[in-house]
Amino acid sequence: MKLNFSTDNKKFELAVINPGLVIGPVLSGSYCTSMVMVRKILTRDPPANIRINIGVVDVRDVARAHINAMTESGAVGRRHILVNRSLWMSDMAEILKAEFQQHGYNVSTMNLPGFLVKVVAVFDKEAREVGPVMNKTFEFDNTRMRQVLKIKPIPVEDSFIDMGYSIIEGGYVKKHRRYKGRPAKSSGTQEQAVP
């Protein structure tokens, strides 16, 4: 017997949230999959970037989307893609380098040659997993996120920088001896708290 929970139980309404790679400040005290990419870039593991393209979204926008999916009438009965932008790993590295080079982190913005990734894939499971998506661009339509869920995405630069500082402060990336901590926010930058 097949049960369609949302249509067979009329008192429930369903809206589905489908986020890309979730980035931004880490609030929990445990290691999570979302921080892997930023940790790898900051620690140069590998020493250059793999040419992969990933759709990203800030964790605070994901939290807002869950709340708004319960309150916005147009959200019901739909899947909502949550992606701010798609970036290459080297684009992510550029953002992190601009902020963390002053703190002693020698972030590489170069790409590993594709043939080298294929050689490493023979021995490394992670390298094997990225093979099918290397050099492929992914585009997402976030119209519903912006118009139905009323999310104005946090700039990806802020998301990556916030995540970088939070994983360094959380001990997931070793503090470099030149690390000075996060500078005070300027008056032009607004702190966005999760409601």
N, C-alpha and C. Protein backbone atom coordinates (compact mmCIF):
# COMPACT_ATOMS: atom_id res chain seq x y z
N MET A 1 0.85 -1.18 0.00
CA MET A 1 0.00 0.00 0.00
C MET A 1 0.89 1.24 0.00
N LYS A 2 0.68 2.11 -0.97
CA LYS A 2 1.45 3.34 -1.07
C LYS A 2 0.70 4.46 -0.36
N LEU A 3 1.43 5.19 0.49
CA LEU A 3 0.82 6.28 1.25
C LEU A 3 1.47 7.59 0.85
N ASN A 4 0.68 8.54 0.42
CA ASN A 4 1.16 9.88 0.13
C ASN A 4 0.75 10.75 1.30
N PHE A 5 1.68 10.93 2.23
CA PHE A 5 1.35 11.54 3.51
C PHE A 5 0.73 12.93 3.37
N SER A 6 1.28 13.75 2.49
CA SER A 6 0.80 15.13 2.42
C SER A 6 -0.58 15.25 1.77
N THR A 7 -0.93 14.33 0.86
CA THR A 7 -2.26 14.41 0.24
C THR A 7 -3.29 13.56 0.98
N ASP A 8 -2.86 12.50 1.66
CA ASP A 8 -3.80 11.66 2.39
C ASP A 8 -4.17 12.23 3.75
N ASN A 9 -3.40 13.18 4.23
CA ASN A 9 -3.68 13.83 5.53
C ASN A 9 -3.94 15.31 5.26
N LYS A 10 -5.18 15.64 5.06
CA LYS A 10 -5.55 16.99 4.63
C LYS A 10 -5.20 18.08 5.65
N LYS A 11 -4.95 17.70 6.90
CA LYS A 11 -4.62 18.73 7.89
C LYS A 11 -3.16 19.19 7.79
N PHE A 12 -2.36 18.50 6.95
CA PHE A 12 -0.96 18.86 6.78
C PHE A 12 -0.75 19.55 5.43
N GLU A 13 0.17 20.52 5.44
CA GLU A 13 0.62 21.15 4.22
C GLU A 13 2.12 20.90 4.10
N LEU A 14 2.60 20.73 2.87
CA LEU A 14 4.00 20.38 2.67
C LEU A 14 4.67 21.39 1.74
N ALA A 15 5.84 21.86 2.18
CA ALA A 15 6.72 22.65 1.33
C ALA A 15 8.11 22.04 1.52
N VAL A 16 8.86 21.88 0.44
CA VAL A 16 10.16 21.21 0.51
C VAL A 16 11.27 22.22 0.26
N ILE A 17 12.28 22.20 1.12
CA ILE A 17 13.44 23.07 1.01
C ILE A 17 14.62 22.24 0.50
N ASN A 18 15.19 22.63 -0.63
CA ASN A 18 16.33 21.92 -1.23
C ASN A 18 17.53 22.86 -1.32
N PRO A 19 18.39 22.87 -0.29
CA PRO A 19 19.55 23.77 -0.34
C PRO A 19 20.73 23.16 -1.09
N GLY A 20 21.57 24.06 -1.63
CA GLY A 20 22.85 23.64 -2.19
C GLY A 20 23.82 23.40 -1.04
N LEU A 21 25.11 23.63 -1.28
CA LEU A 21 26.11 23.51 -0.23
C LEU A 21 25.85 24.63 0.78
N VAL A 22 25.61 24.26 2.02
CA VAL A 22 25.27 25.23 3.06
C VAL A 22 26.55 25.75 3.70
N ILE A 23 26.75 27.06 3.62
CA ILE A 23 27.93 27.71 4.18
C ILE A 23 27.51 28.80 5.14
N GLY A 24 28.48 29.38 5.83
CA GLY A 24 28.19 30.42 6.81
C GLY A 24 28.73 30.01 8.17
N PRO A 25 28.41 30.80 9.19
CA PRO A 25 28.97 30.51 10.51
C PRO A 25 28.51 29.16 11.04
N VAL A 26 29.43 28.44 11.67
CA VAL A 26 29.14 27.13 12.24
C VAL A 26 28.72 27.34 13.69
N LEU A 27 27.52 26.89 14.02
CA LEU A 27 27.00 27.13 15.36
C LEU A 27 27.14 25.92 16.27
N SER A 28 27.18 24.72 15.69
CA SER A 28 27.24 23.53 16.53
C SER A 28 28.68 23.25 16.93
N GLY A 29 28.85 22.44 17.92
CA GLY A 29 30.19 22.10 18.40
C GLY A 29 30.77 20.87 17.73
N SER A 30 30.14 20.40 16.66
CA SER A 30 30.64 19.19 16.01
C SER A 30 30.99 19.47 14.55
N TYR A 31 31.88 18.63 14.02
CA TYR A 31 32.32 18.74 12.64
C TYR A 31 31.17 18.39 11.71
N CYS A 32 30.97 19.19 10.68
CA CYS A 32 29.88 18.91 9.74
C CYS A 32 30.39 18.91 8.30
N THR A 33 29.68 18.24 7.44
CA THR A 33 30.07 18.09 6.04
C THR A 33 30.21 19.44 5.35
N SER A 34 29.35 20.39 5.69
CA SER A 34 29.36 21.69 5.02
C SER A 34 30.68 22.43 5.17
N MET A 35 31.40 22.19 6.26
CA MET A 35 32.64 22.94 6.46
C MET A 35 33.85 22.31 5.74
N VAL A 36 33.68 21.14 5.16
CA VAL A 36 34.79 20.43 4.53
C VAL A 36 35.46 21.28 3.45
N MET A 37 34.67 21.87 2.56
CA MET A 37 35.22 22.62 1.44
C MET A 37 36.07 23.80 1.93
N VAL A 38 35.55 24.58 2.86
CA VAL A 38 36.29 25.75 3.37
C VAL A 38 37.52 25.30 4.14
N ARG A 39 37.40 24.24 4.91
CA ARG A 39 38.56 23.72 5.65
C ARG A 39 39.66 23.28 4.69
N LYS A 40 39.29 22.57 3.62
CA LYS A 40 40.27 22.10 2.64
C LYS A 40 40.99 23.28 1.97
N ILE A 41 40.24 24.32 1.65
CA ILE A 41 40.85 25.47 0.99
C ILE A 41 41.82 26.18 1.94
N LEU A 42 41.42 26.39 3.18
CA LEU A 42 42.28 27.10 4.14
C LEU A 42 43.54 26.31 4.49
N THR A 43 43.45 24.98 4.49
CA THR A 43 44.59 24.14 4.87
C THR A 43 45.37 23.61 3.66
N ARG A 44 44.98 24.02 2.46
CA ARG A 44 45.64 23.58 1.22
C ARG A 44 45.66 22.06 1.11
N ASP A 45 44.51 21.45 1.31
CA ASP A 45 44.38 20.00 1.21
C ASP A 45 43.28 19.67 0.21
N PRO A 46 43.59 19.53 -1.05
CA PRO A 46 44.89 19.41 -1.70
C PRO A 46 45.57 20.78 -1.88
N PRO A 47 46.82 20.79 -2.38
CA PRO A 47 47.57 22.04 -2.48
C PRO A 47 47.06 22.99 -3.56
N ALA A 48 46.16 22.57 -4.40
CA ALA A 48 45.50 23.43 -5.38
C ALA A 48 44.04 22.99 -5.47
N ASN A 49 43.24 23.74 -6.19
CA ASN A 49 41.80 23.50 -6.23
C ASN A 49 41.41 22.54 -7.34
N ILE A 50 40.37 21.79 -7.08
CA ILE A 50 39.80 20.91 -8.10
C ILE A 50 38.76 21.74 -8.85
N ARG A 51 38.72 21.60 -10.16
CA ARG A 51 37.81 22.43 -10.95
C ARG A 51 36.39 21.88 -10.88
N ILE A 52 35.74 22.21 -9.77
CA ILE A 52 34.34 21.83 -9.60
C ILE A 52 33.53 23.09 -9.31
N ASN A 53 32.28 23.05 -9.72
CA ASN A 53 31.35 24.17 -9.61
C ASN A 53 30.22 23.75 -8.68
N ILE A 54 29.95 24.57 -7.67
CA ILE A 54 28.98 24.18 -6.64
C ILE A 54 28.03 25.34 -6.36
N GLY A 55 26.75 25.03 -6.24
CA GLY A 55 25.75 26.01 -5.82
C GLY A 55 25.79 26.13 -4.31
N VAL A 56 25.88 27.37 -3.81
CA VAL A 56 26.01 27.58 -2.37
C VAL A 56 24.89 28.48 -1.84
N VAL A 57 24.62 28.32 -0.55
CA VAL A 57 23.62 29.15 0.13
C VAL A 57 24.04 29.30 1.59
N ASP A 58 23.73 30.43 2.17
CA ASP A 58 24.09 30.69 3.57
C ASP A 58 23.13 29.96 4.51
N VAL A 59 23.68 29.45 5.59
CA VAL A 59 22.89 28.72 6.58
C VAL A 59 21.78 29.59 7.17
N ARG A 60 22.04 30.90 7.30
CA ARG A 60 21.03 31.80 7.84
C ARG A 60 19.87 31.97 6.87
N ASP A 61 20.16 31.92 5.56
CA ASP A 61 19.09 31.96 4.57
C ASP A 61 18.28 30.67 4.58
N VAL A 62 18.94 29.55 4.83
CA VAL A 62 18.23 28.27 4.93
C VAL A 62 17.28 28.29 6.13
N ALA A 63 17.76 28.84 7.25
CA ALA A 63 16.90 28.93 8.44
C ALA A 63 15.69 29.82 8.16
N ARG A 64 15.92 30.97 7.53
CA ARG A 64 14.81 31.87 7.18
C ARG A 64 13.83 31.19 6.23
N ALA A 65 14.37 30.43 5.28
CA ALA A 65 13.51 29.75 4.31
C ALA A 65 12.59 28.75 4.99
N HIS A 66 13.09 28.03 5.98
CA HIS A 66 12.25 27.07 6.70
C HIS A 66 11.11 27.79 7.42
N ILE A 67 11.41 28.92 8.02
CA ILE A 67 10.37 29.69 8.71
C ILE A 67 9.37 30.25 7.71
N ASN A 68 9.89 30.86 6.64
CA ASN A 68 9.00 31.48 5.64
C ASN A 68 8.17 30.44 4.89
N ALA A 69 8.69 29.23 4.75
CA ALA A 69 7.91 28.16 4.09
C ALA A 69 6.68 27.82 4.91
N MET A 70 6.71 28.09 6.21
CA MET A 70 5.55 27.83 7.07
C MET A 70 4.59 29.00 7.11
N THR A 71 5.04 30.18 6.70
CA THR A 71 4.20 31.38 6.84
C THR A 71 3.75 31.99 5.52
N GLU A 72 4.47 31.73 4.43
CA GLU A 72 4.10 32.29 3.13
C GLU A 72 3.15 31.34 2.41
N SER A 73 1.98 31.83 2.06
CA SER A 73 0.96 30.96 1.47
C SER A 73 1.39 30.34 0.14
N GLY A 74 2.17 31.01 -0.65
CA GLY A 74 2.60 30.48 -1.95
C GLY A 74 3.62 29.37 -1.86
N ALA A 75 4.12 29.09 -0.66
CA ALA A 75 5.16 28.08 -0.50
C ALA A 75 4.62 26.66 -0.51
N VAL A 76 3.37 26.48 -0.15
CA VAL A 76 2.78 25.16 0.02
C VAL A 76 2.73 24.39 -1.30
N GLY A 77 3.10 23.10 -1.21
CA GLY A 77 2.99 22.21 -2.35
C GLY A 77 4.09 22.37 -3.39
N ARG A 78 5.19 23.00 -3.00
CA ARG A 78 6.28 23.25 -3.95
C ARG A 78 7.62 22.84 -3.35
N ARG A 79 8.57 22.59 -4.26
CA ARG A 79 9.97 22.41 -3.87
C ARG A 79 10.68 23.74 -4.10
N HIS A 80 11.48 24.14 -3.15
CA HIS A 80 12.16 25.42 -3.23
C HIS A 80 13.67 25.21 -3.26
N ILE A 81 14.28 25.57 -4.39
CA ILE A 81 15.74 25.47 -4.52
C ILE A 81 16.36 26.65 -3.79
N LEU A 82 17.26 26.35 -2.87
CA LEU A 82 17.96 27.40 -2.13
C LEU A 82 19.42 27.41 -2.57
N VAL A 83 19.73 28.27 -3.50
CA VAL A 83 21.09 28.49 -3.97
C VAL A 83 21.23 29.98 -4.24
N ASN A 84 22.22 30.59 -3.64
CA ASN A 84 22.48 32.00 -3.92
C ASN A 84 23.17 32.12 -5.27
N ARG A 85 24.34 31.45 -5.39
CA ARG A 85 25.13 31.47 -6.62
C ARG A 85 25.89 30.17 -6.76
N SER A 86 26.30 29.88 -7.99
CA SER A 86 27.22 28.77 -8.23
C SER A 86 28.62 29.35 -8.37
N LEU A 87 29.59 28.72 -7.70
CA LEU A 87 30.97 29.18 -7.77
C LEU A 87 31.89 28.00 -8.05
N TRP A 88 33.01 28.30 -8.71
CA TRP A 88 34.08 27.33 -8.85
C TRP A 88 34.86 27.31 -7.54
N MET A 89 35.49 26.20 -7.26
CA MET A 89 36.29 26.09 -6.04
C MET A 89 37.36 27.19 -6.01
N SER A 90 37.91 27.55 -7.15
CA SER A 90 38.92 28.61 -7.21
C SER A 90 38.32 29.98 -6.86
N ASP A 91 37.02 30.19 -7.18
CA ASP A 91 36.34 31.44 -6.78
C ASP A 91 36.22 31.51 -5.25
N MET A 92 35.90 30.36 -4.66
CA MET A 92 35.80 30.29 -3.20
C MET A 92 37.16 30.61 -2.58
N ALA A 93 38.21 30.05 -3.19
CA ALA A 93 39.56 30.27 -2.70
C ALA A 93 39.94 31.75 -2.79
N GLU A 94 39.54 32.42 -3.86
CA GLU A 94 39.83 33.86 -4.02
C GLU A 94 39.21 34.65 -2.87
N ILE A 95 37.97 34.33 -2.53
CA ILE A 95 37.29 35.02 -1.42
C ILE A 95 38.04 34.80 -0.12
N LEU A 96 38.39 33.54 0.15
CA LEU A 96 39.08 33.20 1.40
C LEU A 96 40.49 33.78 1.44
N LYS A 97 41.18 33.78 0.32
CA LYS A 97 42.53 34.33 0.28
C LYS A 97 42.52 35.83 0.59
N ALA A 98 41.56 36.55 0.01
CA ALA A 98 41.47 38.00 0.22
C ALA A 98 41.31 38.34 1.70
N GLU A 99 40.64 37.49 2.45
CA GLU A 99 40.40 37.75 3.87
C GLU A 99 41.46 37.14 4.78
N PHE A 100 41.91 35.94 4.47
CA PHE A 100 42.72 35.20 5.45
C PHE A 100 44.22 35.19 5.17
N GLN A 101 44.64 35.74 4.05
CA GLN A 101 46.08 35.83 3.79
C GLN A 101 46.75 36.71 4.85
N GLN A 102 46.08 37.77 5.28
CA GLN A 102 46.62 38.64 6.33
C GLN A 102 46.79 37.90 7.66
N HIS A 103 46.09 36.79 7.82
CA HIS A 103 46.17 35.99 9.05
C HIS A 103 47.15 34.82 8.92
N GLY A 104 47.90 34.79 7.82
CA GLY A 104 48.92 33.76 7.65
C GLY A 104 48.50 32.52 6.89
N TYR A 105 47.27 32.51 6.34
CA TYR A 105 46.81 31.35 5.60
C TYR A 105 47.18 31.51 4.13
N ASN A 106 47.98 30.58 3.62
CA ASN A 106 48.51 30.64 2.26
C ASN A 106 47.55 29.88 1.33
N VAL A 107 46.43 30.53 1.01
CA VAL A 107 45.38 29.90 0.22
C VAL A 107 45.78 29.88 -1.26
N SER A 108 45.68 28.72 -1.88
CA SER A 108 45.99 28.58 -3.30
C SER A 108 44.75 28.88 -4.13
N THR A 109 44.93 29.67 -5.19
CA THR A 109 43.82 29.94 -6.11
C THR A 109 44.02 29.22 -7.44
N MET A 110 45.06 28.41 -7.52
CA MET A 110 45.34 27.65 -8.75
C MET A 110 44.52 26.36 -8.79
N ASN A 111 44.25 25.88 -10.00
CA ASN A 111 43.53 24.62 -10.18
C ASN A 111 44.51 23.48 -10.41
N LEU A 112 44.18 22.32 -9.86
CA LEU A 112 44.93 21.10 -10.16
C LEU A 112 44.66 20.71 -11.61
N PRO A 113 45.65 20.27 -12.33
CA PRO A 113 45.39 19.77 -13.70
C PRO A 113 44.46 18.56 -13.63
N GLY A 114 43.53 18.50 -14.57
CA GLY A 114 42.55 17.41 -14.60
C GLY A 114 43.17 16.02 -14.62
N PHE A 115 44.26 15.87 -15.38
CA PHE A 115 44.89 14.55 -15.45
C PHE A 115 45.42 14.11 -14.09
N LEU A 116 45.89 15.08 -13.29
CA LEU A 116 46.42 14.76 -11.96
C LEU A 116 45.31 14.30 -11.03
N VAL A 117 44.14 14.94 -11.14
CA VAL A 117 42.98 14.52 -10.34
C VAL A 117 42.62 13.08 -10.69
N LYS A 118 42.68 12.73 -11.98
CA LYS A 118 42.35 11.37 -12.41
C LYS A 118 43.36 10.35 -11.87
N VAL A 119 44.63 10.74 -11.82
CA VAL A 119 45.65 9.84 -11.25
C VAL A 119 45.40 9.63 -9.77
N VAL A 120 45.13 10.72 -9.05
CA VAL A 120 44.87 10.64 -7.61
C VAL A 120 43.61 9.82 -7.34
N ALA A 121 42.63 9.90 -8.25
CA ALA A 121 41.36 9.19 -8.08
C ALA A 121 41.54 7.68 -8.01
N VAL A 122 42.62 7.17 -8.56
CA VAL A 122 42.89 5.73 -8.48
C VAL A 122 43.06 5.30 -7.03
N PHE A 123 43.61 6.19 -6.20
CA PHE A 123 43.91 5.86 -4.80
C PHE A 123 42.98 6.55 -3.80
N ASP A 124 42.31 7.62 -4.23
CA ASP A 124 41.56 8.46 -3.29
C ASP A 124 40.07 8.49 -3.64
N LYS A 125 39.24 8.08 -2.68
CA LYS A 125 37.79 7.99 -2.90
C LYS A 125 37.19 9.37 -3.20
N GLU A 126 37.62 10.40 -2.46
CA GLU A 126 37.07 11.75 -2.68
C GLU A 126 37.35 12.23 -4.10
N ALA A 127 38.55 12.01 -4.58
CA ALA A 127 38.90 12.42 -5.95
C ALA A 127 38.05 11.67 -6.97
N ARG A 128 37.76 10.39 -6.70
CA ARG A 128 36.91 9.61 -7.60
C ARG A 128 35.50 10.19 -7.66
N GLU A 129 35.01 10.65 -6.51
CA GLU A 129 33.64 11.16 -6.44
C GLU A 129 33.46 12.46 -7.20
N VAL A 130 34.50 13.29 -7.28
CA VAL A 130 34.36 14.57 -8.00
C VAL A 130 34.57 14.42 -9.50
N GLY A 131 35.14 13.31 -9.93
CA GLY A 131 35.42 13.10 -11.35
C GLY A 131 34.24 13.39 -12.26
N PRO A 132 33.05 12.85 -11.99
CA PRO A 132 31.92 13.06 -12.90
C PRO A 132 31.44 14.52 -12.99
N VAL A 133 31.76 15.35 -12.02
CA VAL A 133 31.28 16.74 -12.06
C VAL A 133 32.38 17.76 -12.37
N MET A 134 33.60 17.28 -12.56
CA MET A 134 34.69 18.20 -12.89
C MET A 134 34.40 18.93 -14.19
N ASN A 135 34.71 20.23 -14.19
CA ASN A 135 34.58 21.10 -15.36
C ASN A 135 33.14 21.32 -15.82
N LYS A 136 32.16 20.90 -15.02
CA LYS A 136 30.76 21.11 -15.40
C LYS A 136 30.19 22.29 -14.60
N THR A 137 29.52 23.19 -15.31
CA THR A 137 28.89 24.33 -14.67
C THR A 137 27.46 23.98 -14.30
N PHE A 138 27.05 24.37 -13.09
CA PHE A 138 25.69 24.12 -12.64
C PHE A 138 25.00 25.46 -12.39
N GLU A 139 23.81 25.61 -12.95
CA GLU A 139 23.04 26.82 -12.76
C GLU A 139 21.71 26.46 -12.11
N PHE A 140 21.26 27.33 -11.22
CA PHE A 140 20.02 27.09 -10.48
C PHE A 140 19.13 28.32 -10.59
N ASP A 141 17.84 28.09 -10.66
CA ASP A 141 16.88 29.18 -10.69
C ASP A 141 16.38 29.40 -9.26
N ASN A 142 16.78 30.54 -8.67
CA ASN A 142 16.37 30.81 -7.29
C ASN A 142 15.23 31.83 -7.21
N THR A 143 14.47 31.94 -8.29
CA THR A 143 13.35 32.89 -8.32
C THR A 143 12.37 32.61 -7.19
N ARG A 144 12.03 31.35 -6.99
CA ARG A 144 11.05 31.01 -5.95
C ARG A 144 11.60 31.33 -4.56
N MET A 145 12.89 31.13 -4.35
CA MET A 145 13.52 31.47 -3.07
C MET A 145 13.35 32.97 -2.80
N ARG A 146 13.59 33.79 -3.84
CA ARG A 146 13.53 35.24 -3.68
C ARG A 146 12.09 35.77 -3.62
N GLN A 147 11.23 35.26 -4.50
CA GLN A 147 9.89 35.83 -4.62
C GLN A 147 8.87 35.20 -3.71
N VAL A 148 8.89 33.88 -3.58
CA VAL A 148 7.88 33.20 -2.75
C VAL A 148 8.31 33.17 -1.29
N LEU A 149 9.56 32.77 -1.04
CA LEU A 149 10.04 32.68 0.34
C LEU A 149 10.59 34.01 0.86
N LYS A 150 10.66 35.00 -0.02
CA LYS A 150 11.07 36.37 0.36
C LYS A 150 12.47 36.41 0.96
N ILE A 151 13.40 35.63 0.39
CA ILE A 151 14.78 35.59 0.87
C ILE A 151 15.65 36.48 -0.01
N LYS A 152 16.28 37.47 0.60
CA LYS A 152 17.30 38.26 -0.09
C LYS A 152 18.62 37.66 0.39
N PRO A 153 19.28 36.88 -0.46
CA PRO A 153 20.44 36.10 0.00
C PRO A 153 21.58 36.96 0.55
N ILE A 154 22.19 36.44 1.60
CA ILE A 154 23.40 37.04 2.16
C ILE A 154 24.50 36.87 1.11
N PRO A 155 25.30 37.90 0.84
CA PRO A 155 26.36 37.78 -0.17
C PRO A 155 27.28 36.59 0.13
N VAL A 156 27.63 35.84 -0.92
CA VAL A 156 28.45 34.64 -0.73
C VAL A 156 29.80 34.99 -0.10
N GLU A 157 30.33 36.19 -0.38
CA GLU A 157 31.60 36.59 0.22
C GLU A 157 31.48 36.61 1.74
N ASP A 158 30.38 37.18 2.25
CA ASP A 158 30.16 37.22 3.70
C ASP A 158 30.01 35.81 4.26
N SER A 159 29.31 34.95 3.54
CA SER A 159 29.08 33.58 4.00
C SER A 159 30.40 32.82 4.16
N PHE A 160 31.28 32.90 3.14
CA PHE A 160 32.55 32.19 3.22
C PHE A 160 33.46 32.77 4.30
N ILE A 161 33.49 34.08 4.41
CA ILE A 161 34.34 34.71 5.44
C ILE A 161 33.84 34.36 6.83
N ASP A 162 32.53 34.41 7.04
CA ASP A 162 31.96 34.05 8.35
C ASP A 162 32.27 32.60 8.69
N MET A 163 32.17 31.71 7.69
CA MET A 163 32.48 30.30 7.94
C MET A 163 33.96 30.13 8.25
N GLY A 164 34.82 30.81 7.50
CA GLY A 164 36.26 30.72 7.75
C GLY A 164 36.61 31.08 9.19
N TYR A 165 36.11 32.23 9.64
CA TYR A 165 36.40 32.63 11.03
C TYR A 165 35.82 31.66 12.04
N SER A 166 34.62 31.16 11.78
CA SER A 166 34.00 30.27 12.77
C SER A 166 34.70 28.92 12.86
N ILE A 167 35.24 28.40 11.74
CA ILE A 167 35.93 27.11 11.86
C ILE A 167 37.34 27.27 12.43
N ILE A 168 37.93 28.44 12.24
CA ILE A 168 39.22 28.69 12.90
C ILE A 168 39.00 28.85 14.40
N GLU A 169 38.03 29.67 14.77
CA GLU A 169 37.72 29.88 16.19
C GLU A 169 37.24 28.60 16.86
N GLY A 170 36.58 27.74 16.10
CA GLY A 170 36.07 26.48 16.65
C GLY A 170 37.13 25.39 16.74
N GLY A 171 38.33 25.65 16.23
CA GLY A 171 39.41 24.68 16.32
C GLY A 171 39.43 23.65 15.20
N TYR A 172 38.63 23.84 14.15
CA TYR A 172 38.61 22.88 13.04
C TYR A 172 39.74 23.15 12.05
N VAL A 173 40.28 24.37 12.09
CA VAL A 173 41.47 24.75 11.35
C VAL A 173 42.41 25.37 12.38
N LYS A 174 43.66 24.91 12.37
CA LYS A 174 44.63 25.39 13.35
C LYS A 174 44.86 26.89 13.18
N LYS A 175 44.89 27.61 14.30
CA LYS A 175 45.16 29.04 14.26
C LYS A 175 46.62 29.27 13.90
N HIS A 176 46.84 30.03 12.83
CA HIS A 176 48.19 30.40 12.43
C HIS A 176 48.74 31.40 13.45
N ARG A 177 50.04 31.42 13.61
CA ARG A 177 50.63 32.33 14.61
C ARG A 177 50.34 33.79 14.29
N ARG A 178 50.04 34.10 13.01
CA ARG A 178 49.70 35.48 12.62
C ARG A 178 48.21 35.79 12.74
N TYR A 179 47.43 34.80 13.17
CA TYR A 179 45.98 34.99 13.25
C TYR A 179 45.65 36.03 14.31
N LYS A 180 44.89 37.06 13.92
CA LYS A 180 44.55 38.16 14.81
C LYS A 180 43.09 38.14 15.26
N GLY A 181 42.34 37.21 14.76
CA GLY A 181 40.91 37.18 15.08
C GLY A 181 40.13 38.03 14.10
N ARG A 182 38.85 37.92 14.18
CA ARG A 182 37.97 38.65 13.26
C ARG A 182 38.00 40.14 13.56
N PRO A 183 38.21 40.98 12.53
CA PRO A 183 38.15 42.42 12.78
C PRO A 183 36.73 42.85 13.13
N ALA A 184 36.63 43.97 13.83
CA ALA A 184 35.31 44.49 14.19
C ALA A 184 34.55 44.82 12.92
N LYS A 185 33.24 44.57 12.93
CA LYS A 185 32.41 44.86 11.76
C LYS A 185 32.35 46.37 11.56
N SER A 186 32.47 46.79 10.28
CA SER A 186 32.36 48.21 9.97
C SER A 186 30.89 48.61 10.04
N SER A 187 30.65 49.91 10.14
CA SER A 187 29.27 50.38 10.26
C SER A 187 28.45 50.09 9.01
N GLY A 188 29.12 49.87 7.86
CA GLY A 188 28.41 49.57 6.62
C GLY A 188 27.97 48.12 6.52
N THR A 189 28.51 47.25 7.35
CA THR A 189 28.17 45.83 7.31
C THR A 189 27.09 45.55 8.33
N GLN A 190 26.03 44.91 7.90
CA GLN A 190 24.96 44.61 8.85
C GLN A 190 25.06 43.16 9.30
N GLU A 191 24.95 42.96 10.57
CA GLU A 191 24.93 41.61 11.13
C GLU A 191 23.54 41.04 10.92
N GLN A 192 23.44 39.87 10.33
CA GLN A 192 22.16 39.27 10.08
C GLN A 192 21.97 38.06 10.97
N ALA A 193 21.10 38.19 11.91
CA ALA A 193 20.85 37.10 12.84
C ALA A 193 19.71 36.24 12.32
N VAL A 194 19.76 34.97 12.63
CA VAL A 194 18.67 34.07 12.26
C VAL A 194 17.49 34.39 13.15
N PRO A 195 16.29 34.62 12.57
CA PRO A 195 15.12 34.96 13.39
C PRO A 195 14.73 33.82 14.31
